[in-house]
PDB file of N, CA and C in Angstrom:
ATOM      1  N   MET A   1       0.850  -1.182   0.000  1.00  0.00           N
ATOM      2  CA  MET A   1       0.000   0.000   0.000  1.00  0.00           C
ATOM      3  C   MET A   1       0.891   1.238   0.000  1.00  0.00           C
ATOM      4  N   GLN A   2       0.544   2.194  -0.834  1.00  0.00           N
ATOM      5  CA  GLN A   2       1.263   3.462  -0.928  1.00  0.00           C
ATOM      6  C   GLN A   2       0.450   4.560  -0.254  1.00  0.00           C
ATOM      7  N   ASN A   3       1.159   5.586   0.190  1.00  0.00           N
ATOM      8  CA  ASN A   3       0.520   6.794   0.710  1.00  0.00           C
ATOM      9  C   ASN A   3       1.127   7.989  -0.002  1.00  0.00           C
ATOM     10  N   VAL A   4       0.277   8.864  -0.503  1.00  0.00           N
ATOM     11  CA  VAL A   4       0.718  10.073  -1.197  1.00  0.00           C
ATOM     12  C   VAL A   4       0.013  11.254  -0.542  1.00  0.00           C
ATOM     13  N   GLN A   5       0.765  12.320  -0.262  1.00  0.00           N
ATOM     14  CA  GLN A   5       0.191  13.512   0.369  1.00  0.00           C
ATOM     15  C   GLN A   5       0.307  14.721  -0.544  1.00  0.00           C
ATOM     16  N   PHE A   6      -0.699  15.557  -0.458  1.00  0.00           N
ATOM     17  CA  PHE A   6      -0.728  16.812  -1.206  1.00  0.00           C
ATOM     18  C   PHE A   6      -1.160  17.930  -0.276  1.00  0.00           C
ATOM     19  N   ASN A   7      -0.593  19.104  -0.458  1.00  0.00           N
ATOM     20  CA  ASN A   7      -1.098  20.332   0.154  1.00  0.00           C
ATOM     21  C   ASN A   7      -1.788  21.072  -0.981  1.00  0.00           C
ATOM     22  N   VAL A   8      -3.099  21.257  -0.837  1.00  0.00           N
ATOM     23  CA  VAL A   8      -3.870  21.828  -1.932  1.00  0.00           C
ATOM     24  C   VAL A   8      -4.532  23.142  -1.549  1.00  0.00           C
ATOM     25  N   GLN A   9      -4.956  23.868  -2.571  1.00  0.00           N
ATOM     26  CA  GLN A   9      -5.634  25.149  -2.406  1.00  0.00           C
ATOM     27  C   GLN A   9      -7.147  24.945  -2.463  1.00  0.00           C
ATOM     28  N   ASN A  10      -7.871  25.899  -1.934  1.00  0.00           N
ATOM     29  CA  ASN A  10      -9.319  26.048  -2.124  1.00  0.00           C
ATOM     30  C   ASN A  10     -10.206  25.125  -1.291  1.00  0.00           C
ATOM     31  N   ILE A  11      -9.651  24.311  -0.386  1.00  0.00           N
ATOM     32  CA  ILE A  11     -10.513  23.468   0.441  1.00  0.00           C
ATOM     33  C   ILE A  11     -10.997  24.317   1.618  1.00  0.00           C
ATOM     34  N   LYS A  12     -12.316  24.569   1.638  1.00  0.00           N
ATOM     35  CA  LYS A  12     -12.851  25.509   2.627  1.00  0.00           C
ATOM     36  C   LYS A  12     -14.032  24.963   3.428  1.00  0.00           C
ATOM     37  N   CYS A  13     -14.612  23.823   2.984  1.00  0.00           N
ATOM     38  CA  CYS A  13     -15.831  23.355   3.661  1.00  0.00           C
ATOM     39  C   CYS A  13     -16.023  21.857   3.440  1.00  0.00           C
ATOM     40  N   GLY A  14     -17.078  21.348   4.044  1.00  0.00           N
ATOM     41  CA  GLY A  14     -17.394  19.939   3.899  1.00  0.00           C
ATOM     42  C   GLY A  14     -17.707  19.538   2.467  1.00  0.00           C
ATOM     43  N   GLY A  15     -18.293  20.455   1.713  1.00  0.00           N
ATOM     44  CA  GLY A  15     -18.569  20.175   0.302  1.00  0.00           C
ATOM     45  C   GLY A  15     -17.293  19.985  -0.491  1.00  0.00           C
ATOM     46  N   CYS A  16     -16.281  20.790  -0.166  1.00  0.00           N
ATOM     47  CA  CYS A  16     -14.974  20.654  -0.813  1.00  0.00           C
ATOM     48  C   CYS A  16     -14.363  19.294  -0.485  1.00  0.00           C
ATOM     49  N   VAL A  17     -14.462  18.922   0.793  1.00  0.00           N
ATOM     50  CA  VAL A  17     -13.926  17.635   1.240  1.00  0.00           C
ATOM     51  C   VAL A  17     -14.600  16.500   0.472  1.00  0.00           C
ATOM     52  N   ALA A  18     -15.921  16.545   0.378  1.00  0.00           N
ATOM     53  CA  ALA A  18     -16.667  15.504  -0.335  1.00  0.00           C
ATOM     54  C   ALA A  18     -16.275  15.444  -1.813  1.00  0.00           C
ATOM     55  N   ALA A  19     -16.108  16.598  -2.443  1.00  0.00           N
ATOM     56  CA  ALA A  19     -15.734  16.639  -3.859  1.00  0.00           C
ATOM     57  C   ALA A  19     -14.375  15.984  -4.084  1.00  0.00           C
ATOM     58  N   VAL A  20     -13.418  16.284  -3.207  1.00  0.00           N
ATOM     59  CA  VAL A  20     -12.077  15.701  -3.335  1.00  0.00           C
ATOM     60  C   VAL A  20     -12.128  14.199  -3.073  1.00  0.00           C
ATOM     61  N   GLU A  21     -12.779  13.809  -1.977  1.00  0.00           N
ATOM     62  CA  GLU A  21     -12.844  12.386  -1.635  1.00  0.00           C
ATOM     63  C   GLU A  21     -13.527  11.586  -2.739  1.00  0.00           C
ATOM     64  N   ASN A  22     -14.685  12.034  -3.190  1.00  0.00           N
ATOM     65  CA  ASN A  22     -15.424  11.310  -4.224  1.00  0.00           C
ATOM     66  C   ASN A  22     -14.681  11.283  -5.549  1.00  0.00           C
ATOM     67  N   GLY A  23     -14.068  12.400  -5.909  1.00  0.00           N
ATOM     68  CA  GLY A  23     -13.336  12.467  -7.173  1.00  0.00           C
ATOM     69  C   GLY A  23     -12.127  11.551  -7.200  1.00  0.00           C
ATOM     70  N   LEU A  24     -11.386  11.506  -6.106  1.00  0.00           N
ATOM     71  CA  LEU A  24     -10.189  10.669  -6.076  1.00  0.00           C
ATOM     72  C   LEU A  24     -10.523   9.191  -5.892  1.00  0.00           C
ATOM     73  N   LYS A  25     -11.583   8.894  -5.155  1.00  0.00           N
ATOM     74  CA  LYS A  25     -11.950   7.488  -4.932  1.00  0.00           C
ATOM     75  C   LYS A  25     -12.401   6.804  -6.213  1.00  0.00           C
ATOM     76  N   GLU A  26     -12.779   7.567  -7.236  1.00  0.00           N
ATOM     77  CA  GLU A  26     -13.161   7.001  -8.538  1.00  0.00           C
ATOM     78  C   GLU A  26     -11.951   6.463  -9.292  1.00  0.00           C
ATOM     79  N   MET A  27     -10.758   6.888  -8.899  1.00  0.00           N
ATOM     80  CA  MET A  27      -9.548   6.542  -9.637  1.00  0.00           C
ATOM     81  C   MET A  27      -9.069   5.135  -9.277  1.00  0.00           C
ATOM     82  N   ALA A  28      -8.527   4.445 -10.268  1.00  0.00           N
ATOM     83  CA  ALA A  28      -8.022   3.087 -10.077  1.00  0.00           C
ATOM     84  C   ALA A  28      -6.920   3.069  -9.026  1.00  0.00           C
ATOM     85  N   GLY A  29      -6.997   2.112  -8.134  1.00  0.00           N
ATOM     86  CA  GLY A  29      -5.959   1.922  -7.132  1.00  0.00           C
ATOM     87  C   GLY A  29      -6.168   2.679  -5.840  1.00  0.00           C
ATOM     88  N   VAL A  30      -7.054   3.669  -5.835  1.00  0.00           N
ATOM     89  CA  VAL A  30      -7.276   4.481  -4.637  1.00  0.00           C
ATOM     90  C   VAL A  30      -8.216   3.731  -3.698  1.00  0.00           C
ATOM     91  N   SER A  31      -7.755   3.502  -2.455  1.00  0.00           N
ATOM     92  CA  SER A  31      -8.599   2.803  -1.495  1.00  0.00           C
ATOM     93  C   SER A  31      -9.111   3.719  -0.389  1.00  0.00           C
ATOM     94  N   GLU A  32      -8.365   4.789  -0.086  1.00  0.00           N
ATOM     95  CA  GLU A  32      -8.786   5.699   0.976  1.00  0.00           C
ATOM     96  C   GLU A  32      -8.289   7.109   0.693  1.00  0.00           C
ATOM     97  N   VAL A  33      -9.123   8.094   1.025  1.00  0.00           N
ATOM     98  CA  VAL A  33      -8.762   9.505   0.890  1.00  0.00           C
ATOM     99  C   VAL A  33      -9.136  10.202   2.186  1.00  0.00           C
ATOM    100  N   LYS A  34      -8.179  10.911   2.773  1.00  0.00           N
ATOM    101  CA  LYS A  34      -8.442  11.713   3.970  1.00  0.00           C
ATOM    102  C   LYS A  34      -8.126  13.162   3.631  1.00  0.00           C
ATOM    103  N   VAL A  35      -9.045  14.054   3.977  1.00  0.00           N
ATOM    104  CA  VAL A  35      -8.873  15.478   3.698  1.00  0.00           C
ATOM    105  C   VAL A  35      -8.974  16.247   5.008  1.00  0.00           C
ATOM    106  N   THR A  36      -8.000  17.122   5.239  1.00  0.00           N
ATOM    107  CA  THR A  36      -8.011  18.007   6.395  1.00  0.00           C
ATOM    108  C   THR A  36      -8.216  19.420   5.877  1.00  0.00           C
ATOM    109  N   ILE A  37      -9.340  20.039   6.270  1.00  0.00           N
ATOM    110  CA  ILE A  37      -9.644  21.383   5.766  1.00  0.00           C
ATOM    111  C   ILE A  37      -8.549  22.359   6.177  1.00  0.00           C
ATOM    112  N   GLU A  38      -8.225  22.383   7.456  1.00  0.00           N
ATOM    113  CA  GLU A  38      -7.186  23.291   7.935  1.00  0.00           C
ATOM    114  C   GLU A  38      -5.843  22.844   7.378  1.00  0.00           C
ATOM    115  N   GLY A  39      -5.230  23.684   6.585  1.00  0.00           N
ATOM    116  CA  GLY A  39      -3.954  23.359   5.965  1.00  0.00           C
ATOM    117  C   GLY A  39      -4.079  22.727   4.597  1.00  0.00           C
ATOM    118  N   GLY A  40      -5.276  22.303   4.205  1.00  0.00           N
ATOM    119  CA  GLY A  40      -5.484  21.753   2.867  1.00  0.00           C
ATOM    120  C   GLY A  40      -4.733  20.469   2.596  1.00  0.00           C
ATOM    121  N   LEU A  41      -4.618  19.587   3.595  1.00  0.00           N
ATOM    122  CA  LEU A  41      -3.878  18.343   3.427  1.00  0.00           C
ATOM    123  C   LEU A  41      -4.785  17.261   2.866  1.00  0.00           C
ATOM    124  N   VAL A  42      -4.320  16.626   1.799  1.00  0.00           N
ATOM    125  CA  VAL A  42      -5.023  15.489   1.201  1.00  0.00           C
ATOM    126  C   VAL A  42      -4.081  14.299   1.248  1.00  0.00           C
ATOM    127  N   GLU A  43      -4.522  13.223   1.890  1.00  0.00           N
ATOM    128  CA  GLU A  43      -3.732  11.997   1.992  1.00  0.00           C
ATOM    129  C   GLU A  43      -4.469  10.900   1.228  1.00  0.00           C
ATOM    130  N   VAL A  44      -3.760  10.286   0.292  1.00  0.00           N
ATOM    131  CA  VAL A  44      -4.350   9.252  -0.550  1.00  0.00           C
ATOM    132  C   VAL A  44      -3.603   7.945  -0.293  1.00  0.00           C
ATOM    133  N   SER A  45      -4.354   6.873  -0.059  1.00  0.00           N
ATOM    134  CA  SER A  45      -3.773   5.551   0.148  1.00  0.00           C
ATOM    135  C   SER A  45      -4.301   4.604  -0.916  1.00  0.00           C
ATOM    136  N   GLY A  46      -3.445   3.669  -1.334  1.00  0.00           N
ATOM    137  CA  GLY A  46      -3.872   2.683  -2.316  1.00  0.00           C
ATOM    138  C   GLY A  46      -2.686   1.979  -2.929  1.00  0.00           C
ATOM    139  N   ASP A  47      -2.936   1.272  -3.997  1.00  0.00           N
ATOM    140  CA  ASP A  47      -1.899   0.513  -4.695  1.00  0.00           C
ATOM    141  C   ASP A  47      -1.729   1.040  -6.113  1.00  0.00           C
ATOM    142  N   GLY A  48      -0.479   1.146  -6.557  1.00  0.00           N
ATOM    143  CA  GLY A  48      -0.189   1.599  -7.911  1.00  0.00           C
ATOM    144  C   GLY A  48      -0.529   3.054  -8.153  1.00  0.00           C
ATOM    145  N   LEU A  49      -0.396   3.884  -7.128  1.00  0.00           N
ATOM    146  CA  LEU A  49      -0.745   5.301  -7.263  1.00  0.00           C
ATOM    147  C   LEU A  49       0.331   6.068  -8.028  1.00  0.00           C
ATOM    148  N   ASP A  50      -0.113   6.975  -8.875  1.00  0.00           N
ATOM    149  CA  ASP A  50       0.799   7.846  -9.621  1.00  0.00           C
ATOM    150  C   ASP A  50       0.562   9.279  -9.158  1.00  0.00           C
ATOM    151  N   ARG A  51       1.579   9.870  -8.553  1.00  0.00           N
ATOM    152  CA  ARG A  51       1.446  11.212  -7.982  1.00  0.00           C
ATOM    153  C   ARG A  51       1.002  12.241  -9.025  1.00  0.00           C
ATOM    154  N   ALA A  52       1.589  12.189 -10.208  1.00  0.00           N
ATOM    155  CA  ALA A  52       1.256  13.171 -11.248  1.00  0.00           C
ATOM    156  C   ALA A  52      -0.213  13.048 -11.674  1.00  0.00           C
ATOM    157  N   THR A  53      -0.706  11.833 -11.799  1.00  0.00           N
ATOM    158  CA  THR A  53      -2.096  11.604 -12.197  1.00  0.00           C
ATOM    159  C   THR A  53      -3.046  12.085 -11.113  1.00  0.00           C
ATOM    160  N   LEU A  54      -2.723  11.787  -9.856  1.00  0.00           N
ATOM    161  CA  LEU A  54      -3.542  12.259  -8.744  1.00  0.00           C
ATOM    162  C   LEU A  54      -3.553  13.785  -8.679  1.00  0.00           C
ATOM    163  N   GLY A  55      -2.385  14.398  -8.859  1.00  0.00           N
ATOM    164  CA  GLY A  55      -2.284  15.857  -8.846  1.00  0.00           C
ATOM    165  C   GLY A  55      -3.093  16.495  -9.960  1.00  0.00           C
ATOM    166  N   ALA A  56      -3.072  15.866 -11.131  1.00  0.00           N
ATOM    167  CA  ALA A  56      -3.853  16.375 -12.263  1.00  0.00           C
ATOM    168  C   ALA A  56      -5.345  16.281 -11.968  1.00  0.00           C
ATOM    169  N   LYS A  57      -5.767  15.195 -11.330  1.00  0.00           N
ATOM    170  CA  LYS A  57      -7.190  15.035 -10.974  1.00  0.00           C
ATOM    171  C   LYS A  57      -7.607  16.086  -9.953  1.00  0.00           C
ATOM    172  N   LEU A  58      -6.757  16.338  -8.961  1.00  0.00           N
ATOM    173  CA  LEU A  58      -7.056  17.380  -7.973  1.00  0.00           C
ATOM    174  C   LEU A  58      -7.234  18.734  -8.662  1.00  0.00           C
ATOM    175  N   ALA A  59      -6.338  19.060  -9.575  1.00  0.00           N
ATOM    176  CA  ALA A  59      -6.440  20.332 -10.304  1.00  0.00           C
ATOM    177  C   ALA A  59      -7.726  20.386 -11.127  1.00  0.00           C
ATOM    178  N   GLU A  60      -8.075  19.266 -11.771  1.00  0.00           N
ATOM    179  CA  GLU A  60      -9.303  19.190 -12.561  1.00  0.00           C
ATOM    180  C   GLU A  60     -10.536  19.418 -11.674  1.00  0.00           C
ATOM    181  N   LEU A  61     -10.472  18.943 -10.448  1.00  0.00           N
ATOM    182  CA  LEU A  61     -11.582  19.111  -9.507  1.00  0.00           C
ATOM    183  C   LEU A  61     -11.645  20.527  -8.926  1.00  0.00           C
ATOM    184  N   GLY A  62     -10.595  21.336  -9.186  1.00  0.00           N
ATOM    185  CA  GLY A  62     -10.564  22.712  -8.680  1.00  0.00           C
ATOM    186  C   GLY A  62      -9.746  22.893  -7.430  1.00  0.00           C
ATOM    187  N   TYR A  63      -8.907  21.891  -7.108  1.00  0.00           N
ATOM    188  CA  TYR A  63      -8.087  21.933  -5.891  1.00  0.00           C
ATOM    189  C   TYR A  63      -6.626  21.649  -6.240  1.00  0.00           C
ATOM    190  N   PRO A  64      -5.970  22.613  -6.912  1.00  0.00           N
ATOM    191  CA  PRO A  64      -4.580  22.385  -7.318  1.00  0.00           C
ATOM    192  C   PRO A  64      -3.630  22.387  -6.122  1.00  0.00           C
ATOM    193  N   GLU A  65      -2.470  21.775  -6.349  1.00  0.00           N
ATOM    194  CA  GLU A  65      -1.448  21.780  -5.298  1.00  0.00           C
ATOM    195  C   GLU A  65      -1.037  23.204  -4.969  1.00  0.00           C
ATOM    196  N   ALA A  66      -0.812  23.451  -3.695  1.00  0.00           N
ATOM    197  CA  ALA A  66      -0.362  24.764  -3.247  1.00  0.00           C
ATOM    198  C   ALA A  66       1.124  24.892  -3.534  1.00  0.00           C
ATOM    199  N   ASN A  67       1.526  26.058  -3.999  1.00  0.00           N
ATOM    200  CA  ASN A  67       2.938  26.345  -4.199  1.00  0.00           C
ATOM    201  C   ASN A  67       3.455  27.071  -2.969  1.00  0.00           C
ATOM    202  N   ASP A  68       4.272  26.372  -2.216  1.00  0.00           N
ATOM    203  CA  ASP A  68       4.776  26.948  -0.969  1.00  0.00           C
ATOM    204  C   ASP A  68       5.792  28.025  -1.210  1.00  0.00           C
TER     205      ASP A  68
END
């Protein structure tokens, strides 16, 4: 099992959390998604995860990675 973390922009409410969780859980290999509103942390667990593909999906959903 792999774990991939992202710090993302625009997560502000429960609706945002649901959109991210539902959008990422549709992807092959994703078994669990945890979203923390404060700090915009998204943790994805699963098998055969590709960071670039997950990041592209987050951006497509409207939650791009934050540039620190």
